[in-house]
Amino acid sequence: MSTVKENQPHYLDLLNEITSGERRAGVFLKAWADKSQDPQLKACLNFVARRETSHYEIFRRRVEELGCTWEDNDDPNYHERLLMNCSELPDIEKLRYSQARQRRQREQQRGPTRGEKIDAAIADETVDQSTRSLLKWFAEVEAESGSMLRKEYERIEAEAGI
């Protein structure tokens, strides 16, 4: 007799990781947008926050379509990040905090990054075609969102003289 775990796709952990990360990213970016005084940054943050929230919903649905249940991955920094983005600090300080957090995260990275896991799953023919297509689309949209945010961050830094 097989267990439930044995019947789950081998890439379920990746889908749960993406689903959880996108849910949190939508919350963090919306919180920052709600406090930003910069109209361009606010619009960009809101746009990307809506995308991230949509990705959460799409990936959660995909997990359910595969007959599984989404399990939220713990983020020990969730409350700290949310408090920072909800704070009255200027955008440049939130940007510096975010950049420092990302640098620490890269330095502490053990094993493949989420992007590397996504690329591997896209190339893995044992992953069902619908999920592979979804991951490819997701990677492209994430790259576009990242580019949009970087452009705004660079503008904010330039205006701050950094």
N, C-alpha and C. Protein backbone atom coordinates (compact mmCIF):
# COMPACT_ATOMS: atom_id res chain seq x y z
N MET A 1 0.85 -1.19 0.00
CA MET A 1 0.00 0.00 0.00
C MET A 1 0.88 1.24 0.00
N SER A 2 0.59 2.21 -0.87
CA SER A 2 1.41 3.42 -0.94
C SER A 2 0.85 4.47 0.00
N THR A 3 1.74 5.32 0.48
CA THR A 3 1.33 6.40 1.35
C THR A 3 0.97 7.62 0.51
N VAL A 4 0.34 8.59 1.14
CA VAL A 4 -0.01 9.83 0.44
C VAL A 4 1.24 10.49 -0.11
N LYS A 5 2.32 10.49 0.68
CA LYS A 5 3.58 11.13 0.26
C LYS A 5 4.12 10.49 -1.02
N GLU A 6 3.99 9.17 -1.13
CA GLU A 6 4.49 8.47 -2.32
C GLU A 6 3.70 8.85 -3.57
N ASN A 7 2.46 9.24 -3.42
CA ASN A 7 1.62 9.59 -4.56
C ASN A 7 1.75 11.06 -4.97
N GLN A 8 2.48 11.83 -4.20
CA GLN A 8 2.64 13.24 -4.52
C GLN A 8 3.73 13.42 -5.57
N PRO A 9 3.56 14.40 -6.44
CA PRO A 9 4.61 14.65 -7.42
C PRO A 9 5.91 15.06 -6.73
N HIS A 10 7.02 14.67 -7.30
CA HIS A 10 8.32 14.97 -6.70
C HIS A 10 8.63 16.47 -6.68
N TYR A 11 7.89 17.25 -7.42
CA TYR A 11 8.12 18.69 -7.49
C TYR A 11 7.12 19.48 -6.63
N LEU A 12 6.36 18.78 -5.79
CA LEU A 12 5.39 19.46 -4.93
C LEU A 12 6.06 20.46 -3.99
N ASP A 13 7.22 20.13 -3.45
CA ASP A 13 7.90 21.07 -2.56
C ASP A 13 8.21 22.38 -3.27
N LEU A 14 8.62 22.30 -4.54
CA LEU A 14 8.89 23.51 -5.31
C LEU A 14 7.61 24.32 -5.49
N LEU A 15 6.51 23.67 -5.83
CA LEU A 15 5.24 24.39 -6.00
C LEU A 15 4.80 25.04 -4.70
N ASN A 16 4.98 24.34 -3.58
CA ASN A 16 4.64 24.92 -2.27
C ASN A 16 5.54 26.11 -1.96
N GLU A 17 6.82 25.99 -2.29
CA GLU A 17 7.77 27.09 -2.06
C GLU A 17 7.36 28.32 -2.86
N ILE A 18 7.01 28.12 -4.13
CA ILE A 18 6.59 29.24 -4.98
C ILE A 18 5.29 29.84 -4.45
N THR A 19 4.33 29.00 -4.14
CA THR A 19 3.03 29.47 -3.67
C THR A 19 3.20 30.31 -2.41
N SER A 20 3.97 29.81 -1.47
CA SER A 20 4.18 30.53 -0.21
C SER A 20 4.91 31.85 -0.44
N GLY A 21 5.96 31.79 -1.25
CA GLY A 21 6.74 33.00 -1.52
C GLY A 21 5.94 34.07 -2.23
N GLU A 22 5.11 33.67 -3.16
CA GLU A 22 4.30 34.64 -3.90
C GLU A 22 3.22 35.25 -3.01
N ARG A 23 2.64 34.45 -2.11
CA ARG A 23 1.66 34.99 -1.18
C ARG A 23 2.29 36.07 -0.32
N ARG A 24 3.45 35.75 0.24
CA ARG A 24 4.13 36.72 1.11
C ARG A 24 4.58 37.95 0.33
N ALA A 25 5.11 37.74 -0.88
CA ALA A 25 5.58 38.88 -1.68
C ALA A 25 4.44 39.84 -1.99
N GLY A 26 3.27 39.29 -2.29
CA GLY A 26 2.11 40.16 -2.53
C GLY A 26 1.78 41.01 -1.32
N VAL A 27 1.84 40.41 -0.15
CA VAL A 27 1.56 41.13 1.10
C VAL A 27 2.62 42.20 1.36
N PHE A 28 3.90 41.83 1.24
CA PHE A 28 4.99 42.77 1.52
C PHE A 28 4.97 43.97 0.58
N LEU A 29 4.81 43.69 -0.71
CA LEU A 29 4.84 44.77 -1.69
C LEU A 29 3.63 45.69 -1.55
N LYS A 30 2.48 45.12 -1.27
CA LYS A 30 1.27 45.94 -1.06
C LYS A 30 1.44 46.82 0.16
N ALA A 31 2.01 46.26 1.23
CA ALA A 31 2.23 47.05 2.45
C ALA A 31 3.15 48.23 2.16
N TRP A 32 4.20 47.99 1.39
CA TRP A 32 5.12 49.08 1.04
C TRP A 32 4.41 50.09 0.15
N ALA A 33 3.67 49.63 -0.83
CA ALA A 33 2.95 50.53 -1.73
C ALA A 33 2.00 51.43 -0.95
N ASP A 34 1.33 50.86 0.04
CA ASP A 34 0.38 51.63 0.83
C ASP A 34 1.04 52.77 1.60
N LYS A 35 2.33 52.65 1.88
CA LYS A 35 3.04 53.68 2.66
C LYS A 35 3.90 54.60 1.81
N SER A 36 4.16 54.22 0.57
CA SER A 36 5.04 55.03 -0.28
C SER A 36 4.40 56.37 -0.63
N GLN A 37 5.23 57.40 -0.62
CA GLN A 37 4.79 58.73 -1.02
C GLN A 37 5.17 59.04 -2.47
N ASP A 38 5.91 58.11 -3.10
CA ASP A 38 6.37 58.30 -4.47
C ASP A 38 5.35 57.68 -5.43
N PRO A 39 4.67 58.47 -6.24
CA PRO A 39 3.61 57.93 -7.10
C PRO A 39 4.08 56.85 -8.08
N GLN A 40 5.26 57.01 -8.67
CA GLN A 40 5.76 56.01 -9.61
C GLN A 40 6.09 54.70 -8.90
N LEU A 41 6.78 54.79 -7.79
CA LEU A 41 7.13 53.59 -7.03
C LEU A 41 5.87 52.91 -6.52
N LYS A 42 4.94 53.71 -6.02
CA LYS A 42 3.67 53.18 -5.51
C LYS A 42 2.93 52.38 -6.59
N ALA A 43 2.87 52.94 -7.80
CA ALA A 43 2.19 52.26 -8.91
C ALA A 43 2.90 50.95 -9.26
N CYS A 44 4.22 50.98 -9.30
CA CYS A 44 4.99 49.78 -9.64
C CYS A 44 4.81 48.72 -8.55
N LEU A 45 4.93 49.11 -7.29
CA LEU A 45 4.77 48.16 -6.18
C LEU A 45 3.37 47.55 -6.20
N ASN A 46 2.36 48.36 -6.42
CA ASN A 46 0.99 47.83 -6.48
C ASN A 46 0.81 46.86 -7.64
N PHE A 47 1.36 47.20 -8.79
CA PHE A 47 1.26 46.33 -9.97
C PHE A 47 1.91 44.96 -9.68
N VAL A 48 3.13 45.00 -9.18
CA VAL A 48 3.84 43.74 -8.92
C VAL A 48 3.18 42.99 -7.76
N ALA A 49 2.68 43.69 -6.76
CA ALA A 49 1.98 43.02 -5.65
C ALA A 49 0.75 42.27 -6.17
N ARG A 50 0.01 42.87 -7.09
CA ARG A 50 -1.15 42.18 -7.67
C ARG A 50 -0.71 40.95 -8.44
N ARG A 51 0.39 41.07 -9.17
CA ARG A 51 0.93 39.91 -9.89
C ARG A 51 1.30 38.79 -8.92
N GLU A 52 2.01 39.15 -7.86
CA GLU A 52 2.46 38.14 -6.91
C GLU A 52 1.26 37.43 -6.27
N THR A 53 0.25 38.19 -5.91
CA THR A 53 -0.96 37.61 -5.32
C THR A 53 -1.65 36.69 -6.33
N SER A 54 -1.68 37.11 -7.57
CA SER A 54 -2.25 36.27 -8.62
C SER A 54 -1.45 34.97 -8.77
N HIS A 55 -0.14 35.07 -8.73
CA HIS A 55 0.71 33.87 -8.83
C HIS A 55 0.42 32.91 -7.68
N TYR A 56 0.25 33.47 -6.49
CA TYR A 56 -0.11 32.63 -5.33
C TYR A 56 -1.38 31.84 -5.64
N GLU A 57 -2.39 32.53 -6.13
CA GLU A 57 -3.67 31.87 -6.41
C GLU A 57 -3.53 30.82 -7.52
N ILE A 58 -2.78 31.13 -8.55
CA ILE A 58 -2.58 30.20 -9.67
C ILE A 58 -1.83 28.96 -9.21
N PHE A 59 -0.76 29.15 -8.46
CA PHE A 59 0.02 28.00 -8.02
C PHE A 59 -0.72 27.18 -6.97
N ARG A 60 -1.47 27.85 -6.12
CA ARG A 60 -2.26 27.09 -5.14
C ARG A 60 -3.28 26.21 -5.88
N ARG A 61 -3.91 26.79 -6.89
CA ARG A 61 -4.87 26.02 -7.68
C ARG A 61 -4.18 24.85 -8.39
N ARG A 62 -2.97 25.08 -8.89
CA ARG A 62 -2.25 23.99 -9.58
C ARG A 62 -1.94 22.86 -8.61
N VAL A 63 -1.54 23.20 -7.40
CA VAL A 63 -1.28 22.18 -6.38
C VAL A 63 -2.55 21.36 -6.15
N GLU A 64 -3.68 22.04 -6.05
CA GLU A 64 -4.95 21.34 -5.83
C GLU A 64 -5.33 20.50 -7.06
N GLU A 65 -5.06 21.00 -8.27
CA GLU A 65 -5.35 20.23 -9.48
C GLU A 65 -4.56 18.93 -9.51
N LEU A 66 -3.39 18.95 -8.89
CA LEU A 66 -2.56 17.75 -8.82
C LEU A 66 -3.01 16.81 -7.70
N GLY A 67 -4.11 17.16 -7.04
CA GLY A 67 -4.65 16.32 -5.98
C GLY A 67 -3.94 16.47 -4.65
N CYS A 68 -3.25 17.56 -4.47
CA CYS A 68 -2.47 17.79 -3.25
C CYS A 68 -3.02 18.99 -2.49
N THR A 69 -2.48 19.22 -1.33
CA THR A 69 -2.87 20.35 -0.51
C THR A 69 -1.66 21.26 -0.33
N TRP A 70 -1.86 22.54 -0.59
CA TRP A 70 -0.78 23.51 -0.40
C TRP A 70 -0.42 23.59 1.07
N GLU A 71 0.86 23.57 1.34
CA GLU A 71 1.37 23.72 2.70
C GLU A 71 2.28 24.94 2.72
N ASP A 72 1.91 25.92 3.53
CA ASP A 72 2.69 27.15 3.63
C ASP A 72 4.06 26.84 4.21
N ASN A 73 5.09 27.36 3.55
CA ASN A 73 6.45 27.23 4.05
C ASN A 73 6.71 28.36 5.04
N ASP A 74 7.32 28.04 6.14
CA ASP A 74 7.59 29.03 7.18
C ASP A 74 8.64 30.03 6.71
N ASP A 75 8.43 31.28 7.05
CA ASP A 75 9.42 32.33 6.82
C ASP A 75 9.67 32.99 8.17
N PRO A 76 10.81 32.69 8.81
CA PRO A 76 11.06 33.24 10.14
C PRO A 76 11.18 34.75 10.16
N ASN A 77 11.38 35.38 9.01
CA ASN A 77 11.51 36.84 8.94
C ASN A 77 10.23 37.54 8.52
N TYR A 78 9.15 36.79 8.42
CA TYR A 78 7.89 37.35 7.91
C TYR A 78 7.46 38.61 8.66
N HIS A 79 7.37 38.53 9.97
CA HIS A 79 6.86 39.67 10.74
C HIS A 79 7.80 40.87 10.69
N GLU A 80 9.10 40.60 10.72
CA GLU A 80 10.07 41.69 10.62
C GLU A 80 9.94 42.41 9.28
N ARG A 81 9.84 41.64 8.21
CA ARG A 81 9.71 42.22 6.87
C ARG A 81 8.40 43.00 6.74
N LEU A 82 7.34 42.45 7.27
CA LEU A 82 6.05 43.13 7.17
C LEU A 82 6.06 44.43 7.97
N LEU A 83 6.63 44.39 9.17
CA LEU A 83 6.74 45.61 9.98
C LEU A 83 7.55 46.68 9.26
N MET A 84 8.63 46.28 8.62
CA MET A 84 9.46 47.24 7.88
C MET A 84 8.65 47.87 6.75
N ASN A 85 7.96 47.05 5.98
CA ASN A 85 7.22 47.59 4.84
C ASN A 85 6.00 48.39 5.24
N CYS A 86 5.46 48.15 6.43
CA CYS A 86 4.32 48.91 6.94
C CYS A 86 4.75 50.17 7.67
N SER A 87 6.04 50.33 7.87
CA SER A 87 6.54 51.44 8.67
C SER A 87 6.46 52.76 7.90
N GLU A 88 6.73 53.82 8.62
CA GLU A 88 6.74 55.17 8.04
C GLU A 88 8.13 55.54 7.50
N LEU A 89 9.07 54.60 7.53
CA LEU A 89 10.41 54.89 7.01
C LEU A 89 10.33 55.28 5.54
N PRO A 90 11.27 56.12 5.09
CA PRO A 90 11.27 56.50 3.67
C PRO A 90 11.57 55.30 2.77
N ASP A 91 11.16 55.42 1.53
CA ASP A 91 11.34 54.35 0.55
C ASP A 91 12.80 53.90 0.45
N ILE A 92 13.73 54.85 0.49
CA ILE A 92 15.14 54.49 0.35
C ILE A 92 15.59 53.58 1.49
N GLU A 93 15.07 53.78 2.69
CA GLU A 93 15.43 52.92 3.82
C GLU A 93 14.83 51.52 3.65
N LYS A 94 13.63 51.45 3.14
CA LYS A 94 13.01 50.15 2.87
C LYS A 94 13.78 49.43 1.77
N LEU A 95 14.23 50.17 0.79
CA LEU A 95 15.01 49.60 -0.29
C LEU A 95 16.34 49.06 0.25
N ARG A 96 17.02 49.85 1.06
CA ARG A 96 18.30 49.39 1.65
C ARG A 96 18.09 48.13 2.48
N TYR A 97 17.04 48.11 3.27
CA TYR A 97 16.73 46.93 4.10
C TYR A 97 16.53 45.71 3.20
N SER A 98 15.75 45.87 2.15
CA SER A 98 15.45 44.77 1.23
C SER A 98 16.72 44.27 0.54
N GLN A 99 17.56 45.18 0.11
CA GLN A 99 18.80 44.79 -0.56
C GLN A 99 19.73 44.05 0.39
N ALA A 100 19.83 44.53 1.62
CA ALA A 100 20.69 43.87 2.61
C ALA A 100 20.16 42.47 2.94
N ARG A 101 18.85 42.34 3.04
CA ARG A 101 18.24 41.04 3.32
C ARG A 101 18.52 40.07 2.18
N GLN A 102 18.40 40.54 0.95
CA GLN A 102 18.66 39.69 -0.21
C GLN A 102 20.13 39.27 -0.27
N ARG A 103 21.05 40.19 0.06
CA ARG A 103 22.47 39.84 0.09
C ARG A 103 22.74 38.75 1.12
N ARG A 104 22.18 38.91 2.32
CA ARG A 104 22.35 37.90 3.38
C ARG A 104 21.79 36.56 2.94
N GLN A 105 20.65 36.60 2.30
CA GLN A 105 20.00 35.38 1.83
C GLN A 105 20.88 34.65 0.81
N ARG A 106 21.46 35.40 -0.12
CA ARG A 106 22.36 34.79 -1.12
C ARG A 106 23.60 34.19 -0.45
N GLU A 107 24.15 34.90 0.53
CA GLU A 107 25.35 34.42 1.22
C GLU A 107 25.07 33.14 2.02
N GLN A 108 23.85 33.02 2.53
CA GLN A 108 23.49 31.86 3.34
C GLN A 108 22.89 30.73 2.52
N GLN A 109 22.74 30.95 1.23
CA GLN A 109 22.10 29.97 0.35
C GLN A 109 22.84 28.64 0.37
N ARG A 110 22.12 27.61 0.66
CA ARG A 110 22.65 26.24 0.60
C ARG A 110 21.85 25.51 -0.46
N GLY A 111 22.52 24.94 -1.41
CA GLY A 111 21.80 24.23 -2.46
C GLY A 111 21.34 25.17 -3.55
N PRO A 112 20.54 24.65 -4.47
CA PRO A 112 20.10 25.46 -5.61
C PRO A 112 19.13 26.58 -5.19
N THR A 113 19.17 27.66 -5.93
CA THR A 113 18.24 28.76 -5.70
C THR A 113 16.86 28.36 -6.22
N ARG A 114 15.86 29.15 -5.88
CA ARG A 114 14.52 28.88 -6.40
C ARG A 114 14.52 28.94 -7.92
N GLY A 115 15.22 29.92 -8.49
CA GLY A 115 15.30 30.02 -9.94
C GLY A 115 15.94 28.80 -10.57
N GLU A 116 16.99 28.30 -9.95
CA GLU A 116 17.64 27.09 -10.47
C GLU A 116 16.71 25.88 -10.37
N LYS A 117 15.95 25.80 -9.30
CA LYS A 117 14.98 24.70 -9.15
C LYS A 117 13.89 24.80 -10.22
N ILE A 118 13.45 26.01 -10.50
CA ILE A 118 12.44 26.21 -11.54
C ILE A 118 12.99 25.80 -12.90
N ASP A 119 14.19 26.25 -13.21
CA ASP A 119 14.81 25.87 -14.49
C ASP A 119 14.94 24.36 -14.61
N ALA A 120 15.34 23.71 -13.52
CA ALA A 120 15.48 22.24 -13.54
C ALA A 120 14.12 21.58 -13.77
N ALA A 121 13.08 22.09 -13.14
CA ALA A 121 11.75 21.50 -13.30
C ALA A 121 11.23 21.71 -14.73
N ILE A 122 11.52 22.86 -15.31
CA ILE A 122 11.10 23.13 -16.69
C ILE A 122 11.77 22.12 -17.64
N ALA A 123 13.01 21.80 -17.36
CA ALA A 123 13.75 20.87 -18.21
C ALA A 123 13.45 19.40 -17.92
N ASP A 124 12.82 19.13 -16.79
CA ASP A 124 12.56 17.76 -16.32
C ASP A 124 11.29 17.21 -16.99
N GLU A 125 11.46 16.26 -17.87
CA GLU A 125 10.32 15.71 -18.59
C GLU A 125 9.43 14.83 -17.73
N THR A 126 9.84 14.56 -16.49
CA THR A 126 8.95 13.81 -15.59
C THR A 126 7.95 14.74 -14.91
N VAL A 127 8.16 16.03 -15.03
CA VAL A 127 7.19 17.02 -14.54
C VAL A 127 6.11 17.14 -15.62
N ASP A 128 4.85 17.11 -15.21
CA ASP A 128 3.78 17.16 -16.20
C ASP A 128 3.85 18.44 -17.03
N GLN A 129 3.39 18.34 -18.26
CA GLN A 129 3.51 19.44 -19.22
C GLN A 129 2.82 20.72 -18.76
N SER A 130 1.66 20.60 -18.14
CA SER A 130 0.95 21.81 -17.67
C SER A 130 1.77 22.54 -16.62
N THR A 131 2.37 21.81 -15.71
CA THR A 131 3.19 22.45 -14.67
C THR A 131 4.44 23.05 -15.28
N ARG A 132 5.06 22.35 -16.23
CA ARG A 132 6.25 22.89 -16.88
C ARG A 132 5.92 24.18 -17.62
N SER A 133 4.79 24.21 -18.31
CA SER A 133 4.36 25.43 -19.01
C SER A 133 4.10 26.57 -18.02
N LEU A 134 3.45 26.24 -16.93
CA LEU A 134 3.18 27.24 -15.89
C LEU A 134 4.48 27.80 -15.34
N LEU A 135 5.44 26.94 -15.06
CA LEU A 135 6.72 27.38 -14.52
C LEU A 135 7.47 28.27 -15.50
N LYS A 136 7.40 27.92 -16.78
CA LYS A 136 8.08 28.74 -17.80
C LYS A 136 7.45 30.13 -17.86
N TRP A 137 6.13 30.17 -17.91
CA TRP A 137 5.42 31.45 -17.91
C TRP A 137 5.78 32.26 -16.66
N PHE A 138 5.75 31.59 -15.51
CA PHE A 138 6.05 32.24 -14.24
C PHE A 138 7.45 32.84 -14.24
N ALA A 139 8.43 32.09 -14.71
CA ALA A 139 9.81 32.58 -14.73
C ALA A 139 9.92 33.84 -15.59
N GLU A 140 9.22 33.86 -16.71
CA GLU A 140 9.27 35.03 -17.59
C GLU A 140 8.60 36.24 -16.96
N VAL A 141 7.47 36.03 -16.32
CA VAL A 141 6.76 37.14 -15.68
C VAL A 141 7.55 37.66 -14.47
N GLU A 142 8.15 36.75 -13.72
CA GLU A 142 8.98 37.16 -12.58
C GLU A 142 10.16 38.00 -13.04
N ALA A 143 10.78 37.61 -14.15
CA ALA A 143 11.90 38.39 -14.69
C ALA A 143 11.45 39.79 -15.07
N GLU A 144 10.28 39.88 -15.69
CA GLU A 144 9.75 41.18 -16.07
C GLU A 144 9.43 42.03 -14.84
N SER A 145 8.81 41.43 -13.84
CA SER A 145 8.50 42.16 -12.60
C SER A 145 9.78 42.63 -11.92
N GLY A 146 10.77 41.76 -11.88
CA GLY A 146 12.06 42.12 -11.28
C GLY A 146 12.69 43.30 -12.00
N SER A 147 12.61 43.30 -13.32
CA SER A 147 13.16 44.39 -14.11
C SER A 147 12.44 45.71 -13.82
N MET A 148 11.12 45.62 -13.70
CA MET A 148 10.33 46.83 -13.39
C MET A 148 10.72 47.38 -12.02
N LEU A 149 10.83 46.51 -11.04
CA LEU A 149 11.19 46.95 -9.69
C LEU A 149 12.61 47.52 -9.67
N ARG A 150 13.56 46.84 -10.33
CA ARG A 150 14.95 47.34 -10.35
C ARG A 150 15.02 48.74 -10.95
N LYS A 151 14.24 48.98 -12.00
CA LYS A 151 14.23 50.30 -12.63
C LYS A 151 13.77 51.36 -11.62
N GLU A 152 12.72 51.06 -10.89
CA GLU A 152 12.23 52.01 -9.89
C GLU A 152 13.22 52.17 -8.74
N TYR A 153 13.83 51.07 -8.31
CA TYR A 153 14.81 51.13 -7.22
C TYR A 153 16.01 51.98 -7.64
N GLU A 154 16.46 51.81 -8.87
CA GLU A 154 17.58 52.61 -9.37
C GLU A 154 17.22 54.10 -9.39
N ARG A 155 16.00 54.39 -9.77
CA ARG A 155 15.55 55.79 -9.78
C ARG A 155 15.53 56.36 -8.37
N ILE A 156 15.01 55.59 -7.42
CA ILE A 156 14.94 56.03 -6.02
C ILE A 156 16.36 56.27 -5.48
N GLU A 157 17.27 55.35 -5.81
CA GLU A 157 18.66 55.51 -5.36
C GLU A 157 19.30 56.75 -5.98
N ALA A 158 19.06 56.97 -7.27
CA ALA A 158 19.63 58.14 -7.94
C ALA A 158 19.10 59.43 -7.33
N GLU A 159 17.82 59.46 -7.03
CA GLU A 159 17.23 60.65 -6.41
C GLU A 159 17.77 60.88 -5.00
N ALA A 160 18.17 59.79 -4.33
CA ALA A 160 18.74 59.91 -2.99
C ALA A 160 20.24 60.18 -3.04
N GLY A 161 20.80 60.21 -4.26
CA GLY A 161 22.22 60.47 -4.42
C GLY A 161 23.12 59.29 -4.09
N ILE A 162 22.57 58.10 -4.24
CA ILE A 162 23.35 56.88 -3.94
C ILE A 162 23.90 56.30 -5.21
